[in-house]
N, C-alpha and C. Protein backbone atom coordinates (compact mmCIF):
# COMPACT_ATOMS: atom_id res chain seq x y z
N MET A 1 -54.25 -206.83 -100.32
CA MET A 1 -55.61 -206.29 -100.94
C MET A 1 -56.42 -207.40 -100.87
N ARG A 2 -56.30 -208.45 -101.38
CA ARG A 2 -57.34 -209.51 -101.33
C ARG A 2 -57.64 -209.95 -99.79
N THR A 3 -56.76 -209.92 -99.11
CA THR A 3 -57.28 -210.16 -97.68
C THR A 3 -58.03 -209.21 -97.01
N ARG A 4 -58.14 -207.89 -97.32
CA ARG A 4 -58.95 -207.11 -96.96
C ARG A 4 -60.38 -207.17 -97.57
N LEU A 5 -60.23 -207.56 -98.90
CA LEU A 5 -61.54 -207.83 -99.52
C LEU A 5 -62.33 -208.93 -98.83
N ILE A 6 -61.67 -209.93 -98.55
CA ILE A 6 -62.36 -211.13 -97.86
C ILE A 6 -62.72 -210.91 -96.57
N LEU A 7 -62.12 -210.02 -95.70
CA LEU A 7 -62.40 -209.47 -94.48
C LEU A 7 -63.58 -208.54 -94.64
N LEU A 8 -63.72 -207.60 -95.65
CA LEU A 8 -64.69 -206.76 -95.80
C LEU A 8 -66.15 -207.51 -96.00
N LEU A 9 -66.01 -208.56 -97.05
CA LEU A 9 -67.12 -209.47 -97.34
C LEU A 9 -67.49 -210.32 -96.11
N ALA A 10 -66.63 -210.93 -95.65
CA ALA A 10 -67.12 -211.61 -94.29
C ALA A 10 -67.83 -210.71 -93.03
N THR A 11 -67.31 -209.54 -93.01
CA THR A 11 -67.93 -208.57 -92.14
C THR A 11 -69.37 -208.30 -92.58
N ALA A 12 -69.37 -207.94 -93.82
CA ALA A 12 -70.91 -207.73 -94.23
C ALA A 12 -71.73 -208.67 -94.25
N LEU A 13 -71.20 -209.90 -94.49
CA LEU A 13 -72.12 -211.09 -94.32
C LEU A 13 -72.59 -211.47 -92.85
N LEU A 14 -71.67 -211.27 -92.03
CA LEU A 14 -71.95 -211.48 -90.82
C LEU A 14 -72.54 -210.46 -89.76
N ALA A 15 -72.58 -209.42 -90.26
CA ALA A 15 -73.24 -208.01 -89.63
C ALA A 15 -74.61 -208.14 -89.21
N PRO A 16 -75.54 -208.73 -90.22
CA PRO A 16 -76.86 -208.65 -90.02
C PRO A 16 -77.26 -209.49 -88.83
N ASP A 17 -76.37 -211.01 -88.82
CA ASP A 17 -76.55 -211.83 -87.71
C ASP A 17 -76.14 -211.37 -86.60
N ALA A 18 -75.08 -210.62 -86.42
CA ALA A 18 -74.64 -210.17 -85.08
C ALA A 18 -75.76 -209.14 -84.54
N THR A 19 -76.27 -208.19 -85.28
CA THR A 19 -77.25 -207.31 -84.89
C THR A 19 -78.34 -208.00 -84.46
N ALA A 20 -78.81 -208.93 -85.33
CA ALA A 20 -80.08 -209.80 -84.92
C ALA A 20 -79.76 -210.26 -83.49
N ALA A 21 -78.65 -210.82 -83.20
CA ALA A 21 -78.27 -211.45 -81.87
C ALA A 21 -78.37 -210.71 -80.86
N GLN A 22 -77.99 -209.44 -80.98
CA GLN A 22 -77.83 -208.32 -80.14
C GLN A 22 -79.45 -207.70 -79.59
N ALA A 23 -80.39 -207.94 -80.46
CA ALA A 23 -81.65 -207.57 -80.16
C ALA A 23 -82.24 -208.52 -78.90
N PRO A 24 -82.79 -207.88 -77.72
CA PRO A 24 -83.35 -208.84 -76.77
C PRO A 24 -84.62 -209.32 -77.26
N GLU A 25 -84.61 -210.47 -76.90
CA GLU A 25 -86.20 -211.22 -77.12
C GLU A 25 -86.99 -210.62 -75.98
N THR A 26 -88.08 -210.02 -76.17
CA THR A 26 -88.81 -209.56 -75.30
C THR A 26 -89.81 -210.64 -74.76
N GLY A 27 -90.62 -211.16 -75.50
CA GLY A 27 -91.55 -212.20 -75.13
C GLY A 27 -92.74 -211.68 -74.41
N ASN A 28 -93.04 -210.53 -74.81
CA ASN A 28 -94.40 -209.82 -74.26
C ASN A 28 -94.57 -208.65 -75.40
N GLN A 29 -96.07 -208.35 -75.55
CA GLN A 29 -96.63 -207.33 -76.21
C GLN A 29 -96.04 -205.83 -75.85
N LEU A 30 -95.57 -205.64 -75.04
CA LEU A 30 -95.32 -204.32 -74.66
C LEU A 30 -93.64 -203.98 -75.02
N GLY A 31 -92.95 -204.91 -75.46
CA GLY A 31 -91.60 -204.83 -76.12
C GLY A 31 -90.67 -204.44 -75.20
N LEU A 32 -90.90 -204.88 -73.67
CA LEU A 32 -89.94 -204.69 -72.58
C LEU A 32 -89.02 -205.79 -72.42
N ASP A 33 -87.86 -205.79 -72.05
CA ASP A 33 -86.94 -206.98 -71.75
C ASP A 33 -87.51 -207.70 -70.47
N SER A 34 -87.13 -209.04 -70.36
CA SER A 34 -87.85 -209.68 -69.45
C SER A 34 -87.67 -209.24 -67.93
N LEU A 35 -86.52 -208.51 -67.59
CA LEU A 35 -86.46 -208.11 -66.19
C LEU A 35 -87.43 -206.92 -66.13
N SER A 36 -87.55 -206.02 -67.03
CA SER A 36 -88.41 -204.91 -66.62
C SER A 36 -89.94 -205.42 -66.67
N PHE A 37 -90.42 -206.17 -67.59
CA PHE A 37 -91.49 -206.97 -67.62
C PHE A 37 -91.95 -207.55 -66.22
N ALA A 38 -90.99 -208.58 -65.82
CA ALA A 38 -91.20 -208.78 -64.45
C ALA A 38 -91.66 -207.92 -63.41
N GLU A 39 -90.65 -206.87 -63.29
CA GLU A 39 -90.84 -205.72 -62.22
C GLU A 39 -92.13 -205.16 -62.54
N LEU A 40 -92.56 -205.03 -63.71
CA LEU A 40 -93.93 -204.27 -63.99
C LEU A 40 -94.94 -205.22 -63.44
N GLN A 41 -94.90 -206.74 -63.76
CA GLN A 41 -95.84 -207.59 -63.30
C GLN A 41 -95.92 -207.35 -61.73
N ARG A 42 -94.83 -207.57 -61.08
CA ARG A 42 -95.16 -207.49 -59.62
C ARG A 42 -95.80 -206.05 -59.02
N LEU A 43 -95.20 -205.02 -59.82
CA LEU A 43 -95.98 -203.62 -59.25
C LEU A 43 -97.41 -203.73 -59.61
N ILE A 44 -97.95 -204.26 -60.81
CA ILE A 44 -99.34 -204.26 -61.18
C ILE A 44 -100.12 -205.29 -60.32
N ALA A 45 -99.52 -206.20 -59.90
CA ALA A 45 -100.08 -207.30 -59.19
C ALA A 45 -100.23 -206.69 -57.71
N SER A 46 -99.45 -205.94 -57.10
CA SER A 46 -99.53 -205.19 -55.79
C SER A 46 -100.71 -204.29 -55.62
N GLN A 47 -101.25 -203.98 -56.72
CA GLN A 47 -102.16 -202.78 -56.77
C GLN A 47 -103.39 -203.17 -56.62
N ASP A 48 -104.43 -202.40 -56.09
CA ASP A 48 -106.02 -202.74 -56.15
C ASP A 48 -106.49 -202.38 -57.30
N SER A 49 -106.04 -201.27 -58.03
CA SER A 49 -106.46 -201.05 -59.50
C SER A 49 -105.52 -200.22 -60.33
N VAL A 50 -105.62 -200.52 -61.48
CA VAL A 50 -104.65 -199.63 -62.56
C VAL A 50 -105.36 -199.07 -63.74
N ARG A 51 -104.98 -198.00 -64.16
CA ARG A 51 -105.63 -197.36 -65.22
C ARG A 51 -104.93 -197.55 -66.54
N ALA A 52 -105.58 -198.18 -67.58
CA ALA A 52 -104.79 -198.28 -68.77
C ALA A 52 -105.42 -197.26 -69.73
N ARG A 53 -104.66 -196.64 -70.74
CA ARG A 53 -104.99 -195.95 -71.94
C ARG A 53 -104.39 -196.37 -73.10
N GLY A 54 -105.20 -196.40 -74.29
CA GLY A 54 -104.72 -196.80 -75.52
C GLY A 54 -105.88 -196.56 -76.55
N SER A 55 -105.87 -197.30 -77.65
CA SER A 55 -106.64 -197.07 -78.88
C SER A 55 -108.03 -197.20 -78.50
N PHE A 56 -108.46 -197.88 -77.29
CA PHE A 56 -109.70 -198.24 -76.93
C PHE A 56 -110.31 -197.24 -75.88
N GLY A 57 -109.53 -196.42 -75.56
CA GLY A 57 -109.78 -195.14 -74.65
C GLY A 57 -109.26 -195.42 -73.24
N GLU A 58 -109.99 -195.27 -72.09
CA GLU A 58 -109.36 -195.37 -70.74
C GLU A 58 -110.08 -196.32 -70.17
N VAL A 59 -109.56 -197.32 -69.35
CA VAL A 59 -110.20 -198.05 -68.59
C VAL A 59 -109.55 -198.43 -67.20
N VAL A 60 -110.47 -198.55 -66.12
CA VAL A 60 -109.64 -198.87 -64.83
C VAL A 60 -110.10 -200.48 -64.70
N ILE A 61 -108.85 -201.14 -64.36
CA ILE A 61 -108.95 -202.45 -63.95
C ILE A 61 -108.96 -202.73 -62.60
N LEU A 62 -109.76 -203.39 -61.87
CA LEU A 62 -109.64 -203.85 -60.51
C LEU A 62 -109.02 -204.96 -60.42
N ARG A 63 -108.04 -205.07 -59.30
CA ARG A 63 -107.22 -206.30 -58.98
C ARG A 63 -106.73 -206.91 -60.34
N PRO A 64 -105.68 -206.00 -60.85
CA PRO A 64 -105.25 -206.46 -62.10
C PRO A 64 -104.14 -207.51 -62.02
N ALA A 65 -103.79 -208.17 -63.19
CA ALA A 65 -102.90 -209.11 -63.58
C ALA A 65 -102.32 -208.74 -64.95
N LEU A 66 -101.10 -209.04 -65.15
CA LEU A 66 -100.34 -208.59 -66.39
C LEU A 66 -99.78 -209.94 -66.97
N THR A 67 -100.33 -210.34 -68.01
CA THR A 67 -99.73 -211.46 -68.70
C THR A 67 -98.77 -210.85 -69.79
N PRO A 68 -97.96 -211.70 -70.58
CA PRO A 68 -97.46 -211.29 -71.71
C PRO A 68 -98.09 -210.72 -72.87
N ASP A 69 -99.45 -211.01 -73.03
CA ASP A 69 -100.20 -210.41 -73.98
C ASP A 69 -101.43 -209.72 -73.60
N SER A 70 -101.57 -209.51 -72.24
CA SER A 70 -102.74 -208.62 -71.81
C SER A 70 -102.71 -208.13 -70.59
N LEU A 71 -103.59 -207.40 -70.24
CA LEU A 71 -103.79 -206.72 -68.76
C LEU A 71 -105.26 -207.11 -68.42
N LEU A 72 -105.43 -208.00 -67.42
CA LEU A 72 -106.94 -208.08 -67.20
C LEU A 72 -107.13 -208.04 -65.77
N ALA A 73 -108.39 -208.31 -65.44
CA ALA A 73 -108.83 -208.22 -64.06
C ALA A 73 -108.87 -209.67 -63.38
N ALA A 74 -108.47 -210.09 -62.27
CA ALA A 74 -108.11 -211.28 -61.63
C ALA A 74 -109.50 -211.89 -61.76
N THR A 75 -110.30 -211.37 -61.65
CA THR A 75 -111.92 -212.08 -61.58
C THR A 75 -112.15 -212.41 -62.94
N THR A 76 -112.80 -213.14 -63.34
CA THR A 76 -113.33 -213.80 -64.66
C THR A 76 -114.30 -212.56 -65.33
N LEU A 77 -115.01 -211.79 -64.49
CA LEU A 77 -116.06 -210.81 -64.82
C LEU A 77 -115.32 -209.30 -65.20
N GLY A 78 -114.03 -209.20 -65.12
CA GLY A 78 -113.59 -207.85 -65.23
C GLY A 78 -112.93 -207.98 -66.71
N SER A 79 -112.36 -206.61 -66.82
CA SER A 79 -111.94 -206.12 -68.43
C SER A 79 -110.74 -207.05 -68.63
N ARG A 80 -110.53 -207.01 -70.11
CA ARG A 80 -109.29 -207.53 -70.57
C ARG A 80 -108.94 -206.82 -71.75
N VAL A 81 -107.47 -206.18 -71.53
CA VAL A 81 -106.89 -205.37 -72.41
C VAL A 81 -105.88 -205.99 -73.32
N GLY A 82 -105.79 -205.98 -74.50
CA GLY A 82 -104.53 -206.42 -75.36
C GLY A 82 -103.53 -205.64 -75.25
N LEU A 83 -102.46 -206.14 -74.74
CA LEU A 83 -101.24 -205.09 -74.40
C LEU A 83 -100.57 -204.38 -75.81
N SER A 84 -101.09 -204.99 -77.16
CA SER A 84 -100.87 -204.13 -78.32
C SER A 84 -101.30 -202.95 -78.35
N ASP A 85 -102.63 -202.80 -77.89
CA ASP A 85 -103.16 -201.48 -77.94
C ASP A 85 -103.00 -200.67 -76.84
N VAL A 86 -102.28 -200.99 -75.67
CA VAL A 86 -101.81 -200.24 -74.53
C VAL A 86 -100.97 -199.15 -74.86
N THR A 87 -101.14 -197.87 -74.65
CA THR A 87 -100.04 -196.77 -74.58
C THR A 87 -99.71 -196.38 -73.41
N ARG A 88 -100.27 -196.51 -72.32
CA ARG A 88 -99.96 -195.97 -70.95
C ARG A 88 -100.71 -196.80 -69.68
N ILE A 89 -99.71 -197.30 -68.85
CA ILE A 89 -100.35 -197.79 -67.69
C ILE A 89 -100.03 -196.90 -66.32
N GLN A 90 -101.11 -196.79 -65.64
CA GLN A 90 -101.00 -195.83 -64.31
C GLN A 90 -101.35 -196.63 -63.22
N VAL A 91 -100.77 -196.39 -62.03
CA VAL A 91 -101.02 -196.97 -60.73
C VAL A 91 -101.36 -195.76 -59.74
N ARG A 92 -102.05 -196.06 -58.67
CA ARG A 92 -102.68 -195.17 -57.85
C ARG A 92 -101.22 -195.07 -56.68
N GLY A 93 -100.96 -193.84 -56.20
CA GLY A 93 -99.83 -193.77 -55.15
C GLY A 93 -100.09 -192.53 -54.40
N GLY A 94 -99.56 -192.53 -53.32
CA GLY A 94 -99.71 -191.27 -52.57
C GLY A 94 -98.71 -190.16 -52.94
N ALA A 95 -99.27 -189.01 -52.19
CA ALA A 95 -98.58 -187.64 -52.83
C ALA A 95 -97.63 -187.23 -51.66
N SER A 96 -97.05 -188.03 -50.80
CA SER A 96 -95.98 -187.67 -49.86
C SER A 96 -94.94 -186.90 -50.30
N GLY A 97 -94.25 -187.52 -51.41
CA GLY A 97 -92.93 -186.84 -52.00
C GLY A 97 -93.13 -185.50 -52.27
N PRO A 98 -94.22 -185.08 -53.09
CA PRO A 98 -94.38 -183.59 -53.49
C PRO A 98 -94.93 -182.98 -52.24
N GLY A 99 -95.68 -183.38 -51.33
CA GLY A 99 -96.12 -182.97 -49.91
C GLY A 99 -94.81 -182.43 -49.29
N ALA A 100 -94.09 -183.18 -49.08
CA ALA A 100 -92.73 -183.10 -48.43
C ALA A 100 -91.98 -181.94 -49.03
N LEU A 101 -91.91 -181.93 -50.20
CA LEU A 101 -91.24 -180.76 -51.03
C LEU A 101 -91.98 -179.38 -50.69
N VAL A 102 -93.24 -179.38 -50.74
CA VAL A 102 -93.74 -178.14 -50.69
C VAL A 102 -93.89 -177.65 -49.09
N GLY A 103 -93.94 -178.74 -48.16
CA GLY A 103 -93.70 -178.44 -46.74
C GLY A 103 -92.40 -177.87 -46.40
N ALA A 104 -91.29 -178.46 -47.14
CA ALA A 104 -90.05 -178.20 -46.89
C ALA A 104 -89.93 -176.73 -47.28
N GLY A 105 -90.40 -176.24 -48.56
CA GLY A 105 -90.30 -175.03 -48.87
C GLY A 105 -90.83 -173.95 -48.21
N ILE A 106 -92.02 -174.35 -47.48
CA ILE A 106 -92.86 -173.25 -46.68
C ILE A 106 -91.82 -173.37 -45.40
N GLY A 107 -91.61 -174.42 -44.80
CA GLY A 107 -91.04 -174.43 -43.60
C GLY A 107 -89.37 -173.49 -43.71
N PHE A 108 -88.72 -173.69 -44.95
CA PHE A 108 -87.66 -172.98 -44.95
C PHE A 108 -87.95 -171.40 -44.92
N ALA A 109 -88.93 -171.09 -45.92
CA ALA A 109 -89.14 -169.64 -45.94
C ALA A 109 -89.53 -169.11 -44.44
N GLY A 110 -90.41 -169.82 -43.92
CA GLY A 110 -91.17 -169.13 -42.52
C GLY A 110 -89.95 -169.27 -41.70
N GLY A 111 -88.94 -170.25 -41.52
CA GLY A 111 -88.12 -170.32 -40.52
C GLY A 111 -86.89 -169.57 -40.74
N LEU A 112 -86.59 -169.18 -41.87
CA LEU A 112 -85.68 -168.01 -42.28
C LEU A 112 -86.29 -166.57 -41.75
N ALA A 113 -87.41 -166.36 -42.15
CA ALA A 113 -87.97 -165.16 -41.67
C ALA A 113 -88.04 -165.10 -40.23
N ALA A 114 -88.44 -165.97 -39.50
CA ALA A 114 -88.66 -166.21 -38.15
C ALA A 114 -87.30 -166.14 -37.47
N GLY A 115 -86.22 -166.73 -37.95
CA GLY A 115 -84.94 -166.59 -37.38
C GLY A 115 -84.22 -165.29 -37.56
N ALA A 116 -84.38 -164.76 -38.67
CA ALA A 116 -84.19 -163.27 -38.98
C ALA A 116 -84.65 -162.34 -38.09
N ALA A 117 -85.73 -162.34 -37.94
CA ALA A 117 -86.53 -161.64 -37.17
C ALA A 117 -86.24 -161.69 -35.52
N LEU A 118 -86.01 -162.91 -35.25
CA LEU A 118 -85.67 -163.15 -33.72
C LEU A 118 -84.13 -162.63 -33.56
N SER A 119 -83.24 -163.08 -34.39
CA SER A 119 -81.91 -162.67 -34.13
C SER A 119 -81.87 -161.16 -34.29
N SER A 120 -82.46 -160.39 -35.20
CA SER A 120 -82.38 -158.89 -35.10
C SER A 120 -82.90 -158.38 -33.74
N SER A 121 -84.01 -158.91 -33.28
CA SER A 121 -84.57 -158.55 -31.94
C SER A 121 -83.84 -158.94 -30.78
N LEU A 122 -83.18 -159.99 -30.63
CA LEU A 122 -82.27 -160.43 -29.57
C LEU A 122 -80.86 -159.81 -29.81
N CYS A 123 -80.30 -159.70 -30.91
CA CYS A 123 -79.01 -159.18 -30.93
C CYS A 123 -79.13 -157.62 -31.24
N SER A 124 -80.09 -156.82 -30.98
CA SER A 124 -79.98 -155.53 -31.42
C SER A 124 -78.80 -154.68 -30.63
N ASP A 125 -78.57 -154.98 -29.60
CA ASP A 125 -77.67 -154.31 -28.57
C ASP A 125 -76.00 -154.99 -29.13
N GLY A 126 -76.03 -155.76 -29.92
CA GLY A 126 -74.72 -155.97 -30.33
C GLY A 126 -74.05 -157.18 -29.57
N GLY A 127 -74.74 -157.69 -28.67
CA GLY A 127 -74.17 -158.76 -27.84
C GLY A 127 -74.27 -160.14 -28.41
N CYS A 128 -74.61 -160.18 -29.70
CA CYS A 128 -74.46 -161.46 -30.20
C CYS A 128 -73.45 -161.71 -31.16
N SER A 129 -72.62 -162.77 -30.90
CA SER A 129 -71.41 -162.90 -31.81
C SER A 129 -71.77 -164.04 -32.88
N ASN A 130 -72.86 -164.57 -33.18
CA ASN A 130 -73.27 -165.53 -34.14
C ASN A 130 -74.79 -165.69 -34.67
N ALA A 131 -75.11 -164.26 -34.89
CA ALA A 131 -76.61 -164.30 -35.25
C ALA A 131 -77.00 -165.02 -36.50
N GLY A 132 -76.24 -165.06 -37.36
CA GLY A 132 -76.47 -165.92 -38.57
C GLY A 132 -76.62 -167.42 -38.17
N GLY A 133 -75.92 -168.11 -37.46
CA GLY A 133 -75.88 -169.20 -37.06
C GLY A 133 -77.14 -169.53 -36.51
N GLY A 134 -77.78 -168.58 -35.58
CA GLY A 134 -79.11 -168.86 -34.66
C GLY A 134 -79.98 -168.79 -35.91
N THR A 135 -80.08 -167.99 -36.91
CA THR A 135 -81.03 -167.98 -37.98
C THR A 135 -81.08 -169.28 -38.77
N ALA A 136 -79.81 -169.53 -39.10
CA ALA A 136 -79.74 -171.04 -39.95
C ALA A 136 -80.32 -172.10 -39.12
N VAL A 137 -79.87 -172.24 -37.80
CA VAL A 137 -80.57 -173.32 -37.13
C VAL A 137 -81.99 -173.34 -36.95
N ILE A 138 -82.52 -172.23 -36.90
CA ILE A 138 -84.14 -172.15 -36.93
C ILE A 138 -84.65 -172.45 -38.12
N ALA A 139 -83.92 -171.94 -39.46
CA ALA A 139 -84.41 -172.35 -40.69
C ALA A 139 -84.28 -173.73 -41.03
N LEU A 140 -83.39 -174.48 -40.46
CA LEU A 140 -83.19 -175.84 -40.73
C LEU A 140 -84.12 -176.52 -40.04
N GLY A 141 -84.43 -176.25 -38.83
CA GLY A 141 -85.48 -176.89 -38.07
C GLY A 141 -86.83 -176.71 -38.53
N ALA A 142 -87.17 -175.58 -39.25
CA ALA A 142 -88.36 -175.18 -39.72
C ALA A 142 -88.35 -175.90 -40.99
N THR A 143 -87.45 -176.22 -41.77
CA THR A 143 -87.55 -176.97 -42.88
C THR A 143 -87.88 -178.44 -42.96
N VAL A 144 -87.02 -179.19 -41.87
CA VAL A 144 -87.42 -180.46 -41.42
C VAL A 144 -88.91 -180.55 -40.85
N ALA A 145 -89.35 -179.67 -39.96
CA ALA A 145 -90.68 -179.74 -39.61
C ALA A 145 -91.72 -179.57 -40.80
N GLY A 146 -91.41 -178.69 -41.56
CA GLY A 146 -92.53 -178.46 -42.77
C GLY A 146 -92.41 -179.60 -43.70
N ALA A 147 -91.23 -180.51 -43.86
CA ALA A 147 -91.22 -181.54 -44.65
C ALA A 147 -91.97 -182.61 -44.31
N LEU A 148 -91.71 -182.89 -42.93
CA LEU A 148 -92.55 -183.91 -42.13
C LEU A 148 -94.10 -183.66 -42.14
N VAL A 149 -94.49 -182.38 -41.96
CA VAL A 149 -96.00 -182.11 -42.08
C VAL A 149 -96.49 -182.27 -43.26
N GLY A 150 -95.79 -181.78 -44.37
CA GLY A 150 -96.20 -181.92 -45.72
C GLY A 150 -96.26 -183.45 -46.22
N ALA A 151 -95.29 -184.28 -45.97
CA ALA A 151 -95.22 -185.71 -46.26
C ALA A 151 -96.72 -186.32 -45.40
N LEU A 152 -96.99 -186.07 -44.27
CA LEU A 152 -98.01 -186.59 -43.57
C LEU A 152 -99.53 -185.94 -44.14
N ILE A 153 -99.31 -184.97 -44.71
CA ILE A 153 -100.72 -184.49 -45.39
C ILE A 153 -100.67 -185.12 -46.75
N GLY A 154 -99.71 -185.23 -47.41
CA GLY A 154 -99.76 -185.63 -48.70
C GLY A 154 -99.90 -187.36 -48.82
N ALA A 155 -99.80 -187.82 -47.77
CA ALA A 155 -99.47 -189.28 -47.80
C ALA A 155 -100.98 -189.84 -48.22
N PRO A 156 -102.29 -189.55 -47.51
CA PRO A 156 -103.47 -190.22 -47.80
C PRO A 156 -103.79 -189.68 -49.22
N LEU A 157 -103.52 -188.43 -50.01
CA LEU A 157 -103.95 -188.12 -50.98
C LEU A 157 -103.22 -188.99 -52.22
N ARG A 158 -104.34 -189.65 -53.04
CA ARG A 158 -104.10 -190.64 -53.95
C ARG A 158 -104.14 -190.12 -55.29
N LYS A 159 -102.94 -190.29 -56.35
CA LYS A 159 -103.15 -189.80 -57.68
C LYS A 159 -102.45 -190.77 -58.49
N TRP A 160 -102.78 -190.87 -59.68
CA TRP A 160 -102.11 -191.70 -60.81
C TRP A 160 -100.77 -191.38 -61.16
N HIS A 161 -100.12 -192.31 -61.14
CA HIS A 161 -98.48 -192.24 -61.40
C HIS A 161 -98.27 -193.20 -62.61
N THR A 162 -97.80 -192.80 -63.82
CA THR A 162 -97.30 -193.53 -64.94
C THR A 162 -96.40 -194.41 -64.76
N VAL A 163 -96.61 -196.05 -64.98
CA VAL A 163 -95.51 -196.83 -64.65
C VAL A 163 -95.22 -197.56 -65.96
N TYR A 164 -96.01 -197.21 -66.95
CA TYR A 164 -95.39 -197.87 -68.47
C TYR A 164 -96.13 -196.58 -69.33
N GLU A 165 -95.22 -196.23 -70.38
CA GLU A 165 -95.81 -195.37 -71.45
C GLU A 165 -94.93 -195.95 -72.97
N ALA A 166 -95.79 -195.98 -73.81
CA ALA A 166 -95.26 -196.67 -75.11
C ALA A 166 -94.17 -195.53 -75.67
N ARG A 167 -93.14 -195.98 -76.40
CA ARG A 167 -92.48 -195.04 -76.90
C ARG A 167 -92.72 -194.62 -78.28
């Protein structure tokens, strides 16, 4: 009984220190761990501009740089935003992914319809042994072609993508 009481007391005294040791040191005002913050720094440094939102409103920063306490323009004349006020950071990116999905969907529907129509017209006399296979091949080819065309159309379209959002 006495041993259990000592163990319980020791656990209670050591528990706050153990939980404090488990909390990662962020070293930045976004509250990100060092690896995530370094990755965000590299991403932001590779951009021509970023859009930041927060209590200050919305601001676009040209040639941005991210420091542990602020988001600032690489030139001395640009904006400087304190990270404690930032709720969202966005970068510009292409829309090739969504374009490929839309193109694939349209290509699949068109290819399926064309394959079914072609198979029914060519196989109307019953001479085809695998009409469904021909339809599937046409639909698959049209899906791939549609995805490529959609990605090419979407690539030059630039839109904002969120890379950081406060929790």
